[in-house]
Structures are given as C-alpha cells and as structure tokens.
Amino acid sequence: MYLQEITWIIGIISFIGGVSIFLFKKIVIEPLQKSIDSLNTTLQEFRLNTDRKINLIEDEIDVLKEKTTRHDEQIKTLFRGGSLND
C-alpha cells in the first residue's frame, strides 16, 4: 500500500505541475511573446522610417554643399574683378 500511495502522490503532483506550467504559459508567456513581437515590428518600422529620413537629409546636404561650392566660386570671381559669366 505504501508504494501505491507514493505513486498516487507523484501522479497528482505531476498533474498539478503540468496544469501549472500550461496555465503559466497561457497567462504569462504567450502575451509576453506577443508584446515582444509587436515591439520588434514597431522597432523595425521605426528603423526603416529613420533610414529614409536620414537618406533624405543626406541628399539635401549634398545639394546644399553643391550650392555652397558654386556660391563660393562666384564670390571668388567677384572679388577677383571678373564677371559671373566667365
């Protein structure tokens, strides 16, 4: 009888442990995983948007550098006494 009682106790503990693990997974782990996935998606979208904006800003900077270089040359030409159409 003693061995049978130990087996019953182990069976009950195993069942309760299995149910506890299942509930923990359903209540805690799955919502947490969904939140992590959502955060990951949001961060990826943020990165893509940021990369696009950085590229636009870099393009604008390149255009401004060209204009500044052109204006510098024009100013140098004016100070040398030349005309802008040379």
N, C-alpha and C. Protein backbone atom coordinates (compact mmCIF):
# COMPACT_ATOMS: atom_id res chain seq x y z
N MET A 1 0.82 -1.19 0.00
CA MET A 1 0.00 0.00 0.00
C MET A 1 0.87 1.26 0.00
N TYR A 2 1.98 1.19 0.63
CA TYR A 2 2.86 2.34 0.75
C TYR A 2 3.35 2.80 -0.63
N LEU A 3 3.74 1.90 -1.50
CA LEU A 3 4.21 2.22 -2.84
C LEU A 3 3.08 2.81 -3.69
N GLN A 4 1.89 2.30 -3.52
CA GLN A 4 0.75 2.81 -4.26
C GLN A 4 0.44 4.26 -3.87
N GLU A 5 0.54 4.60 -2.59
CA GLU A 5 0.30 5.97 -2.13
C GLU A 5 1.35 6.94 -2.70
N ILE A 6 2.60 6.50 -2.73
CA ILE A 6 3.67 7.34 -3.30
C ILE A 6 3.41 7.58 -4.78
N THR A 7 2.98 6.54 -5.49
CA THR A 7 2.68 6.66 -6.90
C THR A 7 1.53 7.64 -7.12
N TRP A 8 0.50 7.56 -6.30
CA TRP A 8 -0.63 8.49 -6.39
C TRP A 8 -0.16 9.94 -6.14
N ILE A 9 0.65 10.12 -5.14
CA ILE A 9 1.14 11.45 -4.81
C ILE A 9 1.97 12.01 -5.97
N ILE A 10 2.86 11.17 -6.52
CA ILE A 10 3.69 11.61 -7.65
C ILE A 10 2.80 11.94 -8.85
N GLY A 11 1.78 11.14 -9.09
CA GLY A 11 0.85 11.38 -10.20
C GLY A 11 0.10 12.70 -10.02
N ILE A 12 -0.39 12.93 -8.81
CA ILE A 12 -1.13 14.17 -8.54
C ILE A 12 -0.21 15.38 -8.68
N ILE A 13 1.00 15.28 -8.13
CA ILE A 13 1.96 16.38 -8.23
C ILE A 13 2.32 16.64 -9.69
N SER A 14 2.50 15.57 -10.46
CA SER A 14 2.82 15.72 -11.88
C SER A 14 1.67 16.40 -12.62
N PHE A 15 0.44 15.99 -12.32
CA PHE A 15 -0.72 16.58 -12.97
C PHE A 15 -0.84 18.06 -12.62
N ILE A 16 -0.71 18.38 -11.33
CA ILE A 16 -0.79 19.78 -10.89
C ILE A 16 0.35 20.60 -11.52
N GLY A 17 1.53 20.01 -11.58
CA GLY A 17 2.67 20.70 -12.20
C GLY A 17 2.42 20.95 -13.68
N GLY A 18 1.88 19.97 -14.37
CA GLY A 18 1.58 20.13 -15.80
C GLY A 18 0.54 21.21 -16.04
N VAL A 19 -0.52 21.21 -15.22
CA VAL A 19 -1.55 22.22 -15.34
C VAL A 19 -0.96 23.61 -15.03
N SER A 20 -0.12 23.68 -13.99
CA SER A 20 0.50 24.96 -13.63
C SER A 20 1.38 25.48 -14.76
N ILE A 21 2.17 24.61 -15.36
CA ILE A 21 3.03 25.01 -16.47
C ILE A 21 2.18 25.47 -17.66
N PHE A 22 1.12 24.75 -17.96
CA PHE A 22 0.23 25.13 -19.06
C PHE A 22 -0.39 26.50 -18.81
N LEU A 23 -0.92 26.70 -17.60
CA LEU A 23 -1.54 27.99 -17.27
C LEU A 23 -0.52 29.12 -17.29
N PHE A 24 0.67 28.89 -16.77
CA PHE A 24 1.72 29.90 -16.77
C PHE A 24 2.06 30.29 -18.21
N LYS A 25 2.14 29.29 -19.06
CA LYS A 25 2.45 29.55 -20.47
C LYS A 25 1.34 30.37 -21.13
N LYS A 26 0.09 30.01 -20.87
CA LYS A 26 -1.05 30.72 -21.47
C LYS A 26 -1.23 32.12 -20.89
N ILE A 27 -1.03 32.29 -19.61
CA ILE A 27 -1.30 33.56 -18.95
C ILE A 27 -0.12 34.52 -19.04
N VAL A 28 1.09 34.02 -18.96
CA VAL A 28 2.26 34.90 -18.89
C VAL A 28 3.08 34.88 -20.17
N ILE A 29 3.49 33.72 -20.60
CA ILE A 29 4.46 33.61 -21.70
C ILE A 29 3.87 34.06 -23.03
N GLU A 30 2.68 33.59 -23.40
CA GLU A 30 2.11 33.95 -24.72
C GLU A 30 1.84 35.45 -24.85
N PRO A 31 1.21 36.11 -23.87
CA PRO A 31 1.03 37.56 -24.01
C PRO A 31 2.37 38.31 -24.05
N LEU A 32 3.33 37.85 -23.28
CA LEU A 32 4.64 38.48 -23.29
C LEU A 32 5.31 38.31 -24.66
N GLN A 33 5.19 37.14 -25.25
CA GLN A 33 5.75 36.89 -26.58
C GLN A 33 5.08 37.77 -27.62
N LYS A 34 3.74 37.93 -27.51
CA LYS A 34 3.02 38.79 -28.45
C LYS A 34 3.50 40.24 -28.31
N SER A 35 3.71 40.69 -27.08
CA SER A 35 4.19 42.05 -26.85
C SER A 35 5.59 42.23 -27.42
N ILE A 36 6.44 41.25 -27.23
CA ILE A 36 7.81 41.32 -27.77
C ILE A 36 7.77 41.37 -29.30
N ASP A 37 6.93 40.54 -29.91
CA ASP A 37 6.81 40.54 -31.38
C ASP A 37 6.30 41.89 -31.88
N SER A 38 5.32 42.45 -31.18
CA SER A 38 4.79 43.76 -31.56
C SER A 38 5.85 44.84 -31.43
N LEU A 39 6.61 44.81 -30.35
CA LEU A 39 7.69 45.77 -30.16
C LEU A 39 8.74 45.63 -31.25
N ASN A 40 9.07 44.41 -31.60
CA ASN A 40 10.05 44.16 -32.66
C ASN A 40 9.58 44.74 -33.98
N THR A 41 8.31 44.54 -34.31
CA THR A 41 7.74 45.09 -35.54
C THR A 41 7.79 46.62 -35.52
N THR A 42 7.43 47.20 -34.40
CA THR A 42 7.45 48.66 -34.26
C THR A 42 8.87 49.19 -34.43
N LEU A 43 9.84 48.53 -33.84
CA LEU A 43 11.23 48.97 -33.95
C LEU A 43 11.74 48.85 -35.39
N GLN A 44 11.34 47.80 -36.08
CA GLN A 44 11.74 47.65 -37.48
C GLN A 44 11.16 48.76 -38.34
N GLU A 45 9.88 49.09 -38.11
CA GLU A 45 9.25 50.18 -38.85
C GLU A 45 9.94 51.51 -38.53
N PHE A 46 10.26 51.71 -37.26
CA PHE A 46 10.95 52.93 -36.84
C PHE A 46 12.31 53.04 -37.53
N ARG A 47 13.03 51.93 -37.59
CA ARG A 47 14.34 51.92 -38.23
C ARG A 47 14.22 52.25 -39.72
N LEU A 48 13.24 51.67 -40.39
CA LEU A 48 13.05 51.94 -41.82
C LEU A 48 12.71 53.42 -42.04
N ASN A 49 11.82 53.96 -41.23
CA ASN A 49 11.45 55.37 -41.36
C ASN A 49 12.65 56.27 -41.08
N THR A 50 13.41 55.94 -40.08
CA THR A 50 14.59 56.73 -39.73
C THR A 50 15.62 56.67 -40.85
N ASP A 51 15.83 55.49 -41.42
CA ASP A 51 16.78 55.36 -42.53
C ASP A 51 16.34 56.21 -43.73
N ARG A 52 15.04 56.20 -44.01
CA ARG A 52 14.53 57.02 -45.12
C ARG A 52 14.77 58.50 -44.86
N LYS A 53 14.47 58.93 -43.64
CA LYS A 53 14.66 60.35 -43.30
C LYS A 53 16.13 60.74 -43.35
N ILE A 54 16.99 59.87 -42.87
CA ILE A 54 18.43 60.15 -42.92
C ILE A 54 18.90 60.27 -44.36
N ASN A 55 18.43 59.39 -45.23
CA ASN A 55 18.80 59.46 -46.64
C ASN A 55 18.33 60.77 -47.28
N LEU A 56 17.11 61.18 -46.94
CA LEU A 56 16.61 62.46 -47.47
C LEU A 56 17.46 63.63 -46.98
N ILE A 57 17.81 63.61 -45.71
CA ILE A 57 18.63 64.68 -45.15
C ILE A 57 20.01 64.68 -45.80
N GLU A 58 20.59 63.52 -46.00
CA GLU A 58 21.91 63.45 -46.65
C GLU A 58 21.83 63.97 -48.08
N ASP A 59 20.74 63.67 -48.79
CA ASP A 59 20.57 64.19 -50.15
C ASP A 59 20.49 65.71 -50.13
N GLU A 60 19.73 66.25 -49.17
CA GLU A 60 19.62 67.70 -49.05
C GLU A 60 20.97 68.33 -48.73
N ILE A 61 21.73 67.70 -47.88
CA ILE A 61 23.06 68.21 -47.53
C ILE A 61 23.96 68.22 -48.77
N ASP A 62 23.89 67.17 -49.58
CA ASP A 62 24.69 67.13 -50.81
C ASP A 62 24.33 68.29 -51.74
N VAL A 63 23.03 68.55 -51.88
CA VAL A 63 22.59 69.66 -52.73
C VAL A 63 23.09 70.98 -52.17
N LEU A 64 22.98 71.15 -50.86
CA LEU A 64 23.45 72.39 -50.23
C LEU A 64 24.97 72.56 -50.38
N LYS A 65 25.70 71.47 -50.30
CA LYS A 65 27.15 71.55 -50.49
C LYS A 65 27.47 72.02 -51.91
N GLU A 66 26.74 71.48 -52.88
CA GLU A 66 26.95 71.90 -54.28
C GLU A 66 26.66 73.39 -54.43
N LYS A 67 25.55 73.85 -53.89
CA LYS A 67 25.19 75.26 -53.99
C LYS A 67 26.23 76.13 -53.30
N THR A 68 26.68 75.71 -52.13
CA THR A 68 27.68 76.48 -51.39
C THR A 68 28.98 76.57 -52.18
N THR A 69 29.40 75.47 -52.77
CA THR A 69 30.62 75.48 -53.57
C THR A 69 30.47 76.42 -54.76
N ARG A 70 29.33 76.37 -55.42
CA ARG A 70 29.06 77.24 -56.55
C ARG A 70 29.07 78.72 -56.12
N HIS A 71 28.43 79.00 -55.00
CA HIS A 71 28.40 80.37 -54.50
C HIS A 71 29.79 80.85 -54.10
N ASP A 72 30.56 79.97 -53.50
CA ASP A 72 31.94 80.33 -53.13
C ASP A 72 32.74 80.72 -54.37
N GLU A 73 32.59 79.92 -55.42
CA GLU A 73 33.30 80.22 -56.66
C GLU A 73 32.84 81.55 -57.25
N GLN A 74 31.55 81.80 -57.19
CA GLN A 74 31.02 83.06 -57.70
C GLN A 74 31.56 84.24 -56.89
N ILE A 75 31.62 84.11 -55.58
CA ILE A 75 32.14 85.19 -54.73
C ILE A 75 33.62 85.42 -55.02
N LYS A 76 34.39 84.35 -55.18
CA LYS A 76 35.81 84.50 -55.51
C LYS A 76 35.98 85.23 -56.83
N THR A 77 35.14 84.88 -57.80
CA THR A 77 35.21 85.52 -59.11
C THR A 77 34.88 87.01 -58.99
N LEU A 78 33.89 87.33 -58.18
CA LEU A 78 33.52 88.74 -57.99
C LEU A 78 34.66 89.52 -57.34
N PHE A 79 35.31 88.95 -56.35
CA PHE A 79 36.39 89.65 -55.65
C PHE A 79 37.64 89.79 -56.54
N ARG A 80 37.79 88.89 -57.49
CA ARG A 80 38.93 88.99 -58.40
C ARG A 80 38.67 90.03 -59.51
N GLY A 81 37.45 90.51 -59.55
CA GLY A 81 37.12 91.52 -60.54
C GLY A 81 36.58 90.94 -61.82
N GLY A 82 36.33 89.68 -61.85
CA GLY A 82 35.78 89.06 -63.05
C GLY A 82 34.27 89.14 -63.04
N SER A 83 33.69 88.63 -64.08
CA SER A 83 32.23 88.59 -64.15
C SER A 83 31.75 87.17 -63.85
N LEU A 84 30.49 87.06 -63.54
CA LEU A 84 29.92 85.74 -63.22
C LEU A 84 29.75 84.87 -64.45
N ASN A 85 29.77 85.45 -65.61
CA ASN A 85 29.55 84.69 -66.84
C ASN A 85 30.85 84.14 -67.43
N ASP A 86 31.98 84.30 -66.78
CA ASP A 86 33.28 83.81 -67.31
C ASP A 86 33.34 82.32 -67.31
